[in-house]
PDB file of N, CA and C in Angstrom:
ATOM      1  N   MET A   1     160.124 150.385  80.803  1.00  0.00           N
ATOM      2  CA  MET A   1     160.562 148.964  80.657  1.00  0.00           C
ATOM      3  C   MET A   1     161.567 148.535  80.342  1.00  0.00           C
ATOM      4  N   PHE A   2     162.381 149.157  79.393  1.00  0.00           N
ATOM      5  CA  PHE A   2     163.839 149.064  79.601  1.00  0.00           C
ATOM      6  C   PHE A   2     164.628 148.356  80.369  1.00  0.00           C
ATOM      7  N   ARG A   3     164.169 149.909  81.337  1.00  0.00           N
ATOM      8  CA  ARG A   3     165.008 149.324  82.723  1.00  0.00           C
ATOM      9  C   ARG A   3     164.110 148.454  83.478  1.00  0.00           C
ATOM     10  N   ALA A   4     163.116 148.058  83.233  1.00  0.00           N
ATOM     11  CA  ALA A   4     162.906 146.531  84.114  1.00  0.00           C
ATOM     12  C   ALA A   4     162.697 145.721  83.152  1.00  0.00           C
ATOM     13  N   ALA A   5     163.754 145.105  82.169  1.00  0.00           N
ATOM     14  CA  ALA A   5     164.547 144.309  82.107  1.00  0.00           C
ATOM     15  C   ALA A   5     166.016 144.011  82.115  1.00  0.00           C
ATOM     16  N   ILE A   6     166.439 144.967  82.162  1.00  0.00           N
ATOM     17  CA  ILE A   6     167.724 145.338  82.525  1.00  0.00           C
ATOM     18  C   ILE A   6     167.694 145.061  84.045  1.00  0.00           C
ATOM     19  N   LEU A   7     166.692 145.564  84.478  1.00  0.00           N
ATOM     20  CA  LEU A   7     166.481 145.128  86.180  1.00  0.00           C
ATOM     21  C   LEU A   7     166.549 143.177  86.245  1.00  0.00           C
ATOM     22  N   ALA A   8     165.663 142.964  85.727  1.00  0.00           N
ATOM     23  CA  ALA A   8     165.714 141.510  85.965  1.00  0.00           C
ATOM     24  C   ALA A   8     166.905 141.013  85.320  1.00  0.00           C
ATOM     25  N   THR A   9     167.130 140.815  84.483  1.00  0.00           N
ATOM     26  CA  THR A   9     168.531 140.394  83.897  1.00  0.00           C
ATOM     27  C   THR A   9     169.881 140.573  85.078  1.00  0.00           C
ATOM     28  N   LEU A  10     170.169 141.730  85.812  1.00  0.00           N
ATOM     29  CA  LEU A  10     170.749 141.939  87.124  1.00  0.00           C
ATOM     30  C   LEU A  10     170.635 141.169  87.616  1.00  0.00           C
ATOM     31  N   LEU A  11     169.299 141.185  87.931  1.00  0.00           N
ATOM     32  CA  LEU A  11     168.752 140.108  89.533  1.00  0.00           C
ATOM     33  C   LEU A  11     168.934 138.595  89.048  1.00  0.00           C
ATOM     34  N   LEU A  12     168.846 138.202  88.077  1.00  0.00           N
ATOM     35  CA  LEU A  12     168.923 136.510  87.727  1.00  0.00           C
ATOM     36  C   LEU A  12     170.740 136.177  88.049  1.00  0.00           C
ATOM     37  N   ALA A  13     171.021 137.233  87.344  1.00  0.00           N
ATOM     38  CA  ALA A  13     172.658 137.238  87.675  1.00  0.00           C
ATOM     39  C   ALA A  13     173.443 136.989  88.752  1.00  0.00           C
ATOM     40  N   ALA A  14     172.632 138.112  89.589  1.00  0.00           N
ATOM     41  CA  ALA A  14     173.132 137.882  91.359  1.00  0.00           C
ATOM     42  C   ALA A  14     172.606 136.916  92.350  1.00  0.00           C
ATOM     43  N   CYS A  15     171.377 136.213  91.617  1.00  0.00           N
ATOM     44  CA  CYS A  15     170.980 134.941  92.318  1.00  0.00           C
ATOM     45  C   CYS A  15     171.988 133.377  91.622  1.00  0.00           C
ATOM     46  N   GLY A  16     172.875 133.669  91.215  1.00  0.00           N
ATOM     47  CA  GLY A  16     173.281 132.413  90.997  1.00  0.00           C
ATOM     48  C   GLY A  16     173.152 131.643  90.193  1.00  0.00           C
ATOM     49  N   GLU A  17     172.622 132.314  89.095  1.00  0.00           N
ATOM     50  CA  GLU A  17     172.144 131.207  88.061  1.00  0.00           C
ATOM     51  C   GLU A  17     172.849 130.744  87.190  1.00  0.00           C
ATOM     52  N   SER A  18     174.214 130.740  86.886  1.00  0.00           N
ATOM     53  CA  SER A  18     175.849 130.635  86.432  1.00  0.00           C
ATOM     54  C   SER A  18     176.125 129.266  87.493  1.00  0.00           C
ATOM     55  N   GLU A  19     176.923 128.434  87.342  1.00  0.00           N
ATOM     56  CA  GLU A  19     177.852 127.699  87.693  1.00  0.00           C
ATOM     57  C   GLU A  19     178.777 127.780  87.248  1.00  0.00           C
ATOM     58  N   PRO A  20     180.077 127.852  88.103  1.00  0.00           N
ATOM     59  CA  PRO A  20     181.488 127.778  88.024  1.00  0.00           C
ATOM     60  C   PRO A  20     181.553 126.935  86.531  1.00  0.00           C
ATOM     61  N   VAL A  21     182.688 126.717  86.206  1.00  0.00           N
ATOM     62  CA  VAL A  21     183.125 126.440  85.357  1.00  0.00           C
ATOM     63  C   VAL A  21     184.122 125.437  85.434  1.00  0.00           C
ATOM     64  N   CYS A  22     184.016 124.281  85.115  1.00  0.00           N
ATOM     65  CA  CYS A  22     185.024 123.387  85.611  1.00  0.00           C
ATOM     66  C   CYS A  22     185.186 122.650  84.517  1.00  0.00           C
ATOM     67  N   GLN A  23     186.578 122.001  85.247  1.00  0.00           N
ATOM     68  CA  GLN A  23     187.426 121.032  84.026  1.00  0.00           C
ATOM     69  C   GLN A  23     187.879 120.213  84.315  1.00  0.00           C
ATOM     70  N   ASN A  24     188.201 118.854  83.821  1.00  0.00           N
ATOM     71  CA  ASN A  24     188.420 117.285  84.309  1.00  0.00           C
ATOM     72  C   ASN A  24     189.709 117.269  83.739  1.00  0.00           C
ATOM     73  N   GLU A  25     191.052 117.300  84.717  1.00  0.00           N
ATOM     74  CA  GLU A  25     192.283 116.352  83.346  1.00  0.00           C
ATOM     75  C   GLU A  25     192.030 114.477  84.201  1.00  0.00           C
ATOM     76  N   VAL A  26     192.276 114.014  82.937  1.00  0.00           N
ATOM     77  CA  VAL A  26     192.269 112.727  83.488  1.00  0.00           C
ATOM     78  C   VAL A  26     193.706 112.178  83.846  1.00  0.00           C
ATOM     79  N   ILE A  27     193.916 111.349  85.044  1.00  0.00           N
ATOM     80  CA  ILE A  27     195.142 111.447  84.953  1.00  0.00           C
ATOM     81  C   ILE A  27     195.519 109.896  85.028  1.00  0.00           C
ATOM     82  N   ARG A  28     194.811 109.094  84.924  1.00  0.00           N
ATOM     83  CA  ARG A  28     194.950 107.593  84.476  1.00  0.00           C
ATOM     84  C   ARG A  28     193.803 106.401  84.243  1.00  0.00           C
ATOM     85  N   GLU A  29     193.372 105.630  83.514  1.00  0.00           N
ATOM     86  CA  GLU A  29     192.282 105.124  83.004  1.00  0.00           C
ATOM     87  C   GLU A  29     192.703 103.272  83.265  1.00  0.00           C
ATOM     88  N   ALA A  30     191.608 102.399  83.817  1.00  0.00           N
ATOM     89  CA  ALA A  30     192.254 101.122  83.902  1.00  0.00           C
ATOM     90  C   ALA A  30     190.733 100.784  82.875  1.00  0.00           C
ATOM     91  N   ILE A  31     190.718  99.594  82.319  1.00  0.00           N
ATOM     92  CA  ILE A  31     189.748  99.018  81.646  1.00  0.00           C
ATOM     93  C   ILE A  31     189.145  98.002  82.627  1.00  0.00           C
ATOM     94  N   SER A  32     188.324  97.550  82.589  1.00  0.00           N
ATOM     95  CA  SER A  32     188.248  96.200  82.741  1.00  0.00           C
ATOM     96  C   SER A  32     188.555  95.273  81.937  1.00  0.00           C
ATOM     97  N   PRO A  33     188.153  93.873  83.238  1.00  0.00           N
ATOM     98  CA  PRO A  33     188.483  93.256  81.905  1.00  0.00           C
ATOM     99  C   PRO A  33     188.022  92.696  81.169  1.00  0.00           C
ATOM    100  N   ASP A  34     186.963  92.757  81.076  1.00  0.00           N
ATOM    101  CA  ASP A  34     185.841  92.373  79.636  1.00  0.00           C
ATOM    102  C   ASP A  34     185.803  94.046  79.047  1.00  0.00           C
ATOM    103  N   GLY A  35     186.538  94.609  78.742  1.00  0.00           N
ATOM    104  CA  GLY A  35     186.603  95.989  77.732  1.00  0.00           C
ATOM    105  C   GLY A  35     185.342  96.490  77.660  1.00  0.00           C
ATOM    106  N   GLU A  36     184.313  96.246  78.545  1.00  0.00           N
ATOM    107  CA  GLU A  36     183.077  97.221  78.775  1.00  0.00           C
ATOM    108  C   GLU A  36     183.271  98.303  79.305  1.00  0.00           C
ATOM    109  N   LEU A  37     183.766  98.535  80.583  1.00  0.00           N
ATOM    110  CA  LEU A  37     183.778 100.159  81.580  1.00  0.00           C
ATOM    111  C   LEU A  37     185.275  99.966  81.636  1.00  0.00           C
ATOM    112  N   LYS A  38     185.308 101.391  82.067  1.00  0.00           N
ATOM    113  CA  LYS A  38     186.317 102.136  82.545  1.00  0.00           C
ATOM    114  C   LYS A  38     186.317 102.640  84.063  1.00  0.00           C
ATOM    115  N   ALA A  39     187.627 102.637  84.405  1.00  0.00           N
ATOM    116  CA  ALA A  39     187.127 103.408  86.246  1.00  0.00           C
ATOM    117  C   ALA A  39     188.940 104.776  85.349  1.00  0.00           C
ATOM    118  N   VAL A  40     188.089 105.417  85.543  1.00  0.00           N
ATOM    119  CA  VAL A  40     189.073 106.948  85.241  1.00  0.00           C
ATOM    120  C   VAL A  40     189.620 107.582  86.991  1.00  0.00           C
ATOM    121  N   LEU A  41     190.143 107.952  87.064  1.00  0.00           N
ATOM    122  CA  LEU A  41     191.599 108.801  88.035  1.00  0.00           C
ATOM    123  C   LEU A  41     191.227 110.475  87.447  1.00  0.00           C
ATOM    124  N   PHE A  42     190.788 111.364  87.640  1.00  0.00           N
ATOM    125  CA  PHE A  42     190.741 111.844  87.394  1.00  0.00           C
ATOM    126  C   PHE A  42     191.310 113.626  88.331  1.00  0.00           C
ATOM    127  N   LYS A  43     191.551 114.391  87.987  1.00  0.00           N
ATOM    128  CA  LYS A  43     191.439 116.159  89.084  1.00  0.00           C
ATOM    129  C   LYS A  43     190.017 116.604  88.294  1.00  0.00           C
ATOM    130  N   ARG A  44     189.644 117.575  88.881  1.00  0.00           N
ATOM    131  CA  ARG A  44     188.517 118.303  88.966  1.00  0.00           C
ATOM    132  C   ARG A  44     188.942 119.703  89.344  1.00  0.00           C
ATOM    133  N   ALA A  45     188.564 121.194  88.073  1.00  0.00           N
ATOM    134  CA  ALA A  45     189.065 122.134  88.921  1.00  0.00           C
ATOM    135  C   ALA A  45     187.800 123.210  88.632  1.00  0.00           C
ATOM    136  N   CYS A  46     187.337 123.398  88.999  1.00  0.00           N
ATOM    137  CA  CYS A  46     186.160 124.546  89.038  1.00  0.00           C
ATOM    138  C   CYS A  46     186.728 126.017  89.485  1.00  0.00           C
ATOM    139  N   GLY A  47     187.474 126.206  90.025  1.00  0.00           N
ATOM    140  CA  GLY A  47     188.328 127.678  90.068  1.00  0.00           C
ATOM    141  C   GLY A  47     188.251 128.131  92.082  1.00  0.00           C
ATOM    142  N   GLY A  48     188.394 128.499  92.180  1.00  0.00           N
ATOM    143  CA  GLY A  48     188.825 129.091  93.824  1.00  0.00           C
ATOM    144  C   GLY A  48     189.739 128.544  94.238  1.00  0.00           C
ATOM    145  N   PRO A  49     190.579 129.180  95.575  1.00  0.00           N
ATOM    146  CA  PRO A  49     191.471 128.439  96.323  1.00  0.00           C
ATOM    147  C   PRO A  49     191.271 127.570  96.703  1.00  0.00           C
ATOM    148  N   THR A  50     190.424 126.252  96.753  1.00  0.00           N
ATOM    149  CA  THR A  50     190.301 125.192  96.968  1.00  0.00           C
ATOM    150  C   THR A  50     191.119 123.948  96.792  1.00  0.00           C
ATOM    151  N   GLY A  51     191.656 123.044  97.803  1.00  0.00           N
ATOM    152  CA  GLY A  51     192.331 121.852  97.507  1.00  0.00           C
ATOM    153  C   GLY A  51     192.479 120.994  96.475  1.00  0.00           C
ATOM    154  N   MET A  52     193.195 120.427  95.553  1.00  0.00           N
ATOM    155  CA  MET A  52     192.342 119.792  94.762  1.00  0.00           C
ATOM    156  C   MET A  52     191.838 118.099  95.378  1.00  0.00           C
ATOM    157  N   ALA A  53     190.956 117.610  94.385  1.00  0.00           N
ATOM    158  CA  ALA A  53     190.963 116.020  94.758  1.00  0.00           C
ATOM    159  C   ALA A  53     190.908 115.403  93.981  1.00  0.00           C
ATOM    160  N   SER A  54     191.304 114.313  94.547  1.00  0.00           N
ATOM    161  CA  SER A  54     190.847 113.340  93.561  1.00  0.00           C
ATOM    162  C   SER A  54     189.910 112.221  93.829  1.00  0.00           C
ATOM    163  N   GLN A  55     189.270 112.212  91.486  1.00  0.00           N
ATOM    164  CA  GLN A  55     188.298 111.609  91.619  1.00  0.00           C
ATOM    165  C   GLN A  55     188.137 110.119  90.971  1.00  0.00           C
ATOM    166  N   ILE A  56     187.273 109.644  91.212  1.00  0.00           N
ATOM    167  CA  ILE A  56     187.210 108.044  90.402  1.00  0.00           C
ATOM    168  C   ILE A  56     185.506 108.349  90.046  1.00  0.00           C
ATOM    169  N   SER A  57     186.070 108.149  88.300  1.00  0.00           N
ATOM    170  CA  SER A  57     184.139 107.240  87.707  1.00  0.00           C
ATOM    171  C   SER A  57     184.242 106.063  86.988  1.00  0.00           C
ATOM    172  N   ILE A  58     183.542 105.840  87.923  1.00  0.00           N
ATOM    173  CA  ILE A  58     183.044 104.226  86.447  1.00  0.00           C
ATOM    174  C   ILE A  58     182.315 105.008  84.867  1.00  0.00           C
ATOM    175  N   LEU A  59     182.624 104.546  84.160  1.00  0.00           N
ATOM    176  CA  LEU A  59     181.922 104.953  82.739  1.00  0.00           C
ATOM    177  C   LEU A  59     182.210 103.787  81.504  1.00  0.00           C
ATOM    178  N   ALA A  60     181.402 103.943  80.821  1.00  0.00           N
ATOM    179  CA  ALA A  60     181.422 103.068  79.629  1.00  0.00           C
ATOM    180  C   ALA A  60     182.948 103.288  78.586  1.00  0.00           C
ATOM    181  N   ALA A  61     183.551 101.875  78.089  1.00  0.00           N
ATOM    182  CA  ALA A  61     184.032 102.253  77.698  1.00  0.00           C
ATOM    183  C   ALA A  61     184.755 103.307  76.672  1.00  0.00           C
ATOM    184  N   GLY A  62     183.809 103.870  76.138  1.00  0.00           N
ATOM    185  CA  GLY A  62     183.961 105.038  75.131  1.00  0.00           C
ATOM    186  C   GLY A  62     183.834 106.252  75.823  1.00  0.00           C
ATOM    187  N   GLU A  63     182.937 106.137  77.023  1.00  0.00           N
ATOM    188  CA  GLU A  63     181.999 107.718  77.448  1.00  0.00           C
ATOM    189  C   GLU A  63     183.272 108.735  77.984  1.00  0.00           C
ATOM    190  N   THR A  64     183.525 110.061  77.997  1.00  0.00           N
ATOM    191  CA  THR A  64     184.236 110.833  78.829  1.00  0.00           C
ATOM    192  C   THR A  64     183.911 111.609  79.665  1.00  0.00           C
ATOM    193  N   GLU A  65     184.447 111.706  80.717  1.00  0.00           N
ATOM    194  CA  GLU A  65     184.476 112.282  82.215  1.00  0.00           C
ATOM    195  C   GLU A  65     183.664 113.478  82.096  1.00  0.00           C
ATOM    196  N   THR A  66     182.728 114.252  82.276  1.00  0.00           N
ATOM    197  CA  THR A  66     182.146 115.477  82.155  1.00  0.00           C
ATOM    198  C   THR A  66     182.248 116.156  83.521  1.00  0.00           C
ATOM    199  N   GLY A  67     181.520 115.002  84.561  1.00  0.00           N
ATOM    200  CA  GLY A  67     180.945 115.895  85.331  1.00  0.00           C
ATOM    201  C   GLY A  67     181.588 115.364  86.687  1.00  0.00           C
ATOM    202  N   LYS A  68     181.484 115.472  87.797  1.00  0.00           N
ATOM    203  CA  LYS A  68     181.770 115.212  89.182  1.00  0.00           C
ATOM    204  C   LYS A  68     182.274 113.237  89.395  1.00  0.00           C
ATOM    205  N   GLY A  69     183.144 113.044  90.015  1.00  0.00           N
ATOM    206  CA  GLY A  69     183.039 111.795  90.159  1.00  0.00           C
ATOM    207  C   GLY A  69     182.084 110.984  90.554  1.00  0.00           C
ATOM    208  N   ASN A  70     181.843 109.908  89.779  1.00  0.00           N
ATOM    209  CA  ASN A  70     180.572 108.947  90.169  1.00  0.00           C
ATOM    210  C   ASN A  70     180.898 107.938  91.164  1.00  0.00           C
ATOM    211  N   THR A  71     182.075 107.269  91.646  1.00  0.00           N
ATOM    212  CA  THR A  71     182.581 106.412  92.621  1.00  0.00           C
ATOM    213  C   THR A  71     183.417 106.839  93.723  1.00  0.00           C
ATOM    214  N   PHE A  72     183.993 107.994  93.900  1.00  0.00           N
ATOM    215  CA  PHE A  72     185.098 108.175  94.671  1.00  0.00           C
ATOM    216  C   PHE A  72     185.519 109.500  94.910  1.00  0.00           C
ATOM    217  N   ILE A  73     185.276 110.092  95.443  1.00  0.00           N
ATOM    218  CA  ILE A  73     186.359 111.583  95.776  1.00  0.00           C
ATOM    219  C   ILE A  73     187.207 111.819  97.092  1.00  0.00           C
ATOM    220  N   VAL A  74     188.149 112.324  97.362  1.00  0.00           N
ATOM    221  CA  VAL A  74     189.020 111.934  97.768  1.00  0.00           C
ATOM    222  C   VAL A  74     189.398 113.519  98.358  1.00  0.00           C
ATOM    223  N   ASP A  75     190.737 113.878  99.723  1.00  0.00           N
ATOM    224  CA  ASP A  75     191.274 114.638  99.101  1.00  0.00           C
ATOM    225  C   ASP A  75     192.582 114.161 100.163  1.00  0.00           C
ATOM    226  N   THR A  76     193.484 114.952 100.497  1.00  0.00           N
ATOM    227  CA  THR A  76     194.708 114.906 101.130  1.00  0.00           C
ATOM    228  C   THR A  76     193.780 115.119 102.908  1.00  0.00           C
ATOM    229  N   ALA A  77     192.952 116.121 102.714  1.00  0.00           N
ATOM    230  CA  ALA A  77     193.005 116.248 104.303  1.00  0.00           C
ATOM    231  C   ALA A  77     193.587 117.530 105.114  1.00  0.00           C
ATOM    232  N   SER A  78     193.893 118.015 103.599  1.00  0.00           N
ATOM    233  CA  SER A  78     195.096 119.514 104.562  1.00  0.00           C
ATOM    234  C   SER A  78     196.505 118.950 104.967  1.00  0.00           C
ATOM    235  N   GLY A  79     197.302 117.763 103.969  1.00  0.00           N
ATOM    236  CA  GLY A  79     197.972 117.418 104.051  1.00  0.00           C
ATOM    237  C   GLY A  79     198.323 116.238 105.096  1.00  0.00           C
ATOM    238  N   ALA A  80     197.823 115.763 105.594  1.00  0.00           N
ATOM    239  CA  ALA A  80     197.819 114.934 105.867  1.00  0.00           C
ATOM    240  C   ALA A  80     197.953 113.522 105.233  1.00  0.00           C
ATOM    241  N   ALA A  81     197.373 113.094 104.308  1.00  0.00           N
ATOM    242  CA  ALA A  81     198.341 112.087 103.328  1.00  0.00           C
ATOM    243  C   ALA A  81     198.945 112.883 102.125  1.00  0.00           C
ATOM    244  N   PRO A  82     199.545 111.821 101.385  1.00  0.00           N
ATOM    245  CA  PRO A  82     200.875 112.626 100.340  1.00  0.00           C
ATOM    246  C   PRO A  82     199.955 112.941  99.574  1.00  0.00           C
ATOM    247  N   THR A  83     200.731 113.994  98.507  1.00  0.00           N
ATOM    248  CA  THR A  83     200.092 114.736  97.839  1.00  0.00           C
ATOM    249  C   THR A  83     200.795 114.556  96.308  1.00  0.00           C
ATOM    250  N   ALA A  84     200.145 114.145  95.348  1.00  0.00           N
ATOM    251  CA  ALA A  84     200.320 113.490  93.821  1.00  0.00           C
ATOM    252  C   ALA A  84     200.800 114.772  93.530  1.00  0.00           C
ATOM    253  N   SER A  85     201.180 114.413  91.996  1.00  0.00           N
ATOM    254  CA  SER A  85     201.963 115.571  91.238  1.00  0.00           C
ATOM    255  C   SER A  85     200.884 116.509  90.828  1.00  0.00           C
ATOM    256  N   TRP A  86     199.119 115.968  90.701  1.00  0.00           N
ATOM    257  CA  TRP A  86     198.362 116.658  90.180  1.00  0.00           C
ATOM    258  C   TRP A  86     197.624 117.236  91.871  1.00  0.00           C
ATOM    259  N   GLY A  87     198.141 117.672  92.446  1.00  0.00           N
ATOM    260  CA  GLY A  87     197.683 117.672  94.009  1.00  0.00           C
ATOM    261  C   GLY A  87     196.597 117.236  94.810  1.00  0.00           C
ATOM    262  N   GLY A  88     196.177 116.540  94.609  1.00  0.00           N
ATOM    263  CA  GLY A  88     195.302 115.277  94.977  1.00  0.00           C
ATOM    264  C   GLY A  88     195.942 113.966  95.681  1.00  0.00           C
ATOM    265  N   PRO A  89     195.331 113.302  96.173  1.00  0.00           N
ATOM    266  CA  PRO A  89     196.215 112.125  96.818  1.00  0.00           C
ATOM    267  C   PRO A  89     196.153 111.017  95.204  1.00  0.00           C
ATOM    268  N   ASP A  90     197.201 109.527  95.132  1.00  0.00           N
ATOM    269  CA  ASP A  90     197.267 109.414  94.418  1.00  0.00           C
ATOM    270  C   ASP A  90     196.276 107.982  94.994  1.00  0.00           C
ATOM    271  N   ILE A  91     195.708 107.232  93.674  1.00  0.00           N
ATOM    272  CA  ILE A  91     194.825 106.445  93.337  1.00  0.00           C
ATOM    273  C   ILE A  91     195.374 105.155  93.159  1.00  0.00           C
ATOM    274  N   GLN A  92     195.496 104.015  93.234  1.00  0.00           N
ATOM    275  CA  GLN A  92     195.194 103.031  92.555  1.00  0.00           C
ATOM    276  C   GLN A  92     194.656 102.111  91.911  1.00  0.00           C
ATOM    277  N   LEU A  93     194.191 102.294  90.695  1.00  0.00           N
ATOM    278  CA  LEU A  93     192.815 101.404  90.043  1.00  0.00           C
ATOM    279  C   LEU A  93     193.199 100.157  89.884  1.00  0.00           C
ATOM    280  N   GLU A  94     192.211  99.019  90.299  1.00  0.00           N
ATOM    281  CA  GLU A  94     192.791  97.093  90.173  1.00  0.00           C
ATOM    282  C   GLU A  94     191.519  96.823  89.763  1.00  0.00           C
ATOM    283  N   TRP A  95     191.070  96.238  88.539  1.00  0.00           N
ATOM    284  CA  TRP A  95     190.262  95.271  88.240  1.00  0.00           C
ATOM    285  C   TRP A  95     190.651  94.059  88.929  1.00  0.00           C
ATOM    286  N   THR A  96     189.618  93.442  89.844  1.00  0.00           N
ATOM    287  CA  THR A  96     190.125  91.852  89.980  1.00  0.00           C
ATOM    288  C   THR A  96     189.305  90.737  89.367  1.00  0.00           C
ATOM    289  N   ALA A  97     187.919  91.793  88.654  1.00  0.00           N
ATOM    290  CA  ALA A  97     186.941  90.447  87.367  1.00  0.00           C
ATOM    291  C   ALA A  97     186.149  91.751  86.830  1.00  0.00           C
ATOM    292  N   PRO A  98     185.450  91.233  85.853  1.00  0.00           N
ATOM    293  CA  PRO A  98     185.031  92.199  85.282  1.00  0.00           C
ATOM    294  C   PRO A  98     184.069  92.831  85.545  1.00  0.00           C
ATOM    295  N   ARG A  99     183.536  93.108  86.931  1.00  0.00           N
ATOM    296  CA  ARG A  99     182.397  93.823  87.699  1.00  0.00           C
ATOM    297  C   ARG A  99     182.339  94.221  89.084  1.00  0.00           C
ATOM    298  N   ALA A 100     184.041  93.909  89.368  1.00  0.00           N
ATOM    299  CA  ALA A 100     184.727  94.063  91.049  1.00  0.00           C
ATOM    300  C   ALA A 100     186.395  95.264  90.489  1.00  0.00           C
ATOM    301  N   LEU A 101     186.457  96.096  91.670  1.00  0.00           N
ATOM    302  CA  LEU A 101     187.164  97.316  90.840  1.00  0.00           C
ATOM    303  C   LEU A 101     188.004  97.521  92.696  1.00  0.00           C
ATOM    304  N   SER A 102     188.818  97.427  92.279  1.00  0.00           N
ATOM    305  CA  SER A 102     189.884  97.825  94.707  1.00  0.00           C
ATOM    306  C   SER A 102     190.687  98.992  93.700  1.00  0.00           C
ATOM    307  N   LEU A 103     190.026 100.399  94.981  1.00  0.00           N
ATOM    308  CA  LEU A 103     191.277 100.954  94.921  1.00  0.00           C
ATOM    309  C   LEU A 103     191.824 101.122  96.066  1.00  0.00           C
ATOM    310  N   SER A 104     192.968 101.959  95.648  1.00  0.00           N
ATOM    311  CA  SER A 104     194.242 101.659  96.785  1.00  0.00           C
ATOM    312  C   SER A 104     194.594 103.206  96.493  1.00  0.00           C
ATOM    313  N   TYR A 105     194.918 103.924  98.154  1.00  0.00           N
ATOM    314  CA  TYR A 105     195.109 104.723  98.172  1.00  0.00           C
ATOM    315  C   TYR A 105     195.432 105.000 100.139  1.00  0.00           C
ATOM    316  N   HIS A 106     196.001 106.352 100.280  1.00  0.00           N
ATOM    317  CA  HIS A 106     196.860 106.271 101.181  1.00  0.00           C
ATOM    318  C   HIS A 106     195.480 106.306 102.667  1.00  0.00           C
ATOM    319  N   GLY A 107     196.036 106.215 103.690  1.00  0.00           N
ATOM    320  CA  GLY A 107     195.044 105.772 104.456  1.00  0.00           C
ATOM    321  C   GLY A 107     194.311 106.373 105.546  1.00  0.00           C
ATOM    322  N   ARG A 108     195.215 108.615 105.562  1.00  0.00           N
ATOM    323  CA  ARG A 108     194.458 109.550 106.288  1.00  0.00           C
ATOM    324  C   ARG A 108     194.567 110.741 104.809  1.00  0.00           C
ATOM    325  N   SER A 109     194.004 109.881 103.590  1.00  0.00           N
ATOM    326  CA  SER A 109     193.121 110.770 103.084  1.00  0.00           C
ATOM    327  C   SER A 109     191.421 110.895 103.567  1.00  0.00           C
ATOM    328  N   ARG A 110     190.866 111.703 103.259  1.00  0.00           N
ATOM    329  CA  ARG A 110     189.763 112.760 103.541  1.00  0.00           C
ATOM    330  C   ARG A 110     188.420 111.671 102.557  1.00  0.00           C
ATOM    331  N   ILE A 111     188.082 110.550 102.421  1.00  0.00           N
ATOM    332  CA  ILE A 111     187.005 110.226 101.951  1.00  0.00           C
ATOM    333  C   ILE A 111     185.742 111.205 101.551  1.00  0.00           C
ATOM    334  N   ILE A 112     185.444 112.004 100.754  1.00  0.00           N
ATOM    335  CA  ILE A 112     184.704 112.987 100.336  1.00  0.00           C
ATOM    336  C   ILE A 112     183.157 112.364 100.242  1.00  0.00           C
ATOM    337  N   ASP A 113     183.549 111.699  99.379  1.00  0.00           N
ATOM    338  CA  ASP A 113     181.966 110.636  98.487  1.00  0.00           C
ATOM    339  C   ASP A 113     182.955 109.391  98.335  1.00  0.00           C
ATOM    340  N   SER A 114     181.682 108.405  98.665  1.00  0.00           N
ATOM    341  CA  SER A 114     182.502 107.005  97.994  1.00  0.00           C
ATOM    342  C   SER A 114     180.902 106.335  98.079  1.00  0.00           C
ATOM    343  N   GLU A 115     181.088 105.504  96.862  1.00  0.00           N
ATOM    344  CA  GLU A 115     179.748 104.286  96.796  1.00  0.00           C
ATOM    345  C   GLU A 115     180.325 103.461  96.584  1.00  0.00           C
ATOM    346  N   LEU A 116     179.758 101.911  96.968  1.00  0.00           N
ATOM    347  CA  LEU A 116     179.833 100.992  97.319  1.00  0.00           C
ATOM    348  C   LEU A 116     179.938  99.674  96.020  1.00  0.00           C
ATOM    349  N   VAL A 117     178.739 100.211  94.914  1.00  0.00           N
ATOM    350  CA  VAL A 117     178.087 100.219  93.874  1.00  0.00           C
ATOM    351  C   VAL A 117     178.182 100.842  92.415  1.00  0.00           C
ATOM    352  N   VAL A 118     178.764 100.796  91.648  1.00  0.00           N
ATOM    353  CA  VAL A 118     178.707 101.863  90.509  1.00  0.00           C
ATOM    354  C   VAL A 118     178.134 101.191  89.196  1.00  0.00           C
ATOM    355  N   ARG A 119     177.288 101.247  88.510  1.00  0.00           N
ATOM    356  CA  ARG A 119     176.574 100.479  87.348  1.00  0.00           C
ATOM    357  C   ARG A 119     177.336  98.969  87.072  1.00  0.00           C
ATOM    358  N   GLY A 120     177.038  98.314  87.850  1.00  0.00           N
ATOM    359  CA  GLY A 120     177.537  96.959  88.840  1.00  0.00           C
ATOM    360  C   GLY A 120     178.317  96.856  88.781  1.00  0.00           C
ATOM    361  N   VAL A 121     179.389  97.593  89.011  1.00  0.00           N
ATOM    362  CA  VAL A 121     180.805  97.399  89.323  1.00  0.00           C
ATOM    363  C   VAL A 121     181.097  97.651  91.401  1.00  0.00           C
ATOM    364  N   THR A 122     181.596  96.120  91.861  1.00  0.00           N
ATOM    365  CA  THR A 122     181.401  96.414  93.252  1.00  0.00           C
ATOM    366  C   THR A 122     182.726  97.730  93.459  1.00  0.00           C
ATOM    367  N   ILE A 123     183.156  97.764  94.582  1.00  0.00           N
ATOM    368  CA  ILE A 123     184.163  98.486  94.229  1.00  0.00           C
ATOM    369  C   ILE A 123     184.871  98.247  96.328  1.00  0.00           C
ATOM    370  N   THR A 124     186.291  97.710  96.077  1.00  0.00           N
ATOM    371  CA  THR A 124     186.265  97.365  97.231  1.00  0.00           C
ATOM    372  C   THR A 124     187.457  98.562  97.890  1.00  0.00           C
ATOM    373  N   HIS A 125     188.251  99.132  98.916  1.00  0.00           N
ATOM    374  CA  HIS A 125     189.050 100.137  99.272  1.00  0.00           C
ATOM    375  C   HIS A 125     189.899  99.171 100.521  1.00  0.00           C
ATOM    376  N   ASN A 126     191.444  99.489 100.145  1.00  0.00           N
ATOM    377  CA  ASN A 126     192.262  98.926 100.400  1.00  0.00           C
ATOM    378  C   ASN A 126     193.458 100.385 101.339  1.00  0.00           C
ATOM    379  N   TYR A 127     194.331 100.441 101.735  1.00  0.00           N
ATOM    380  CA  TYR A 127     194.333 101.913 102.369  1.00  0.00           C
ATOM    381  C   TYR A 127     196.132 101.666 102.513  1.00  0.00           C
ATOM    382  N   THR A 128     197.061 102.512 102.656  1.00  0.00           N
ATOM    383  CA  THR A 128     198.089 102.035 102.394  1.00  0.00           C
ATOM    384  C   THR A 128     198.946 103.333 103.360  1.00  0.00           C
ATOM    385  N   ASP A 129     200.580 103.002 103.454  1.00  0.00           N
ATOM    386  CA  ASP A 129     201.236 103.994 104.373  1.00  0.00           C
ATOM    387  C   ASP A 129     201.125 105.388 103.572  1.00  0.00           C
TER     388      ASP A 129
END
């Protein structure tokens, strides 16, 4: 019986039941004009040798980002776009209205994930050289 319990525990561990521990580091935040929301630019590290991506989430003003970006994720496309000090491409955040956010980033960045509307906020994109 004891052996069966140990075997079951080992099998569960081998099946990938645990997720890698990820850490988010906030680079900058921009508060919406009405103060209700914020756009957060952050890097997310989950271990391993992969390159760093820049991520954006739109959150309530008092929330803290704990997951992956809910709005935009971009990387340097293996060096095609410039790398910021944290390892991913820089993204400028500008609220143009209480529910409109403009993102500006290098045109050679690789878009991994992108949403057009998050929490009622319309997102527009501008490319730079």
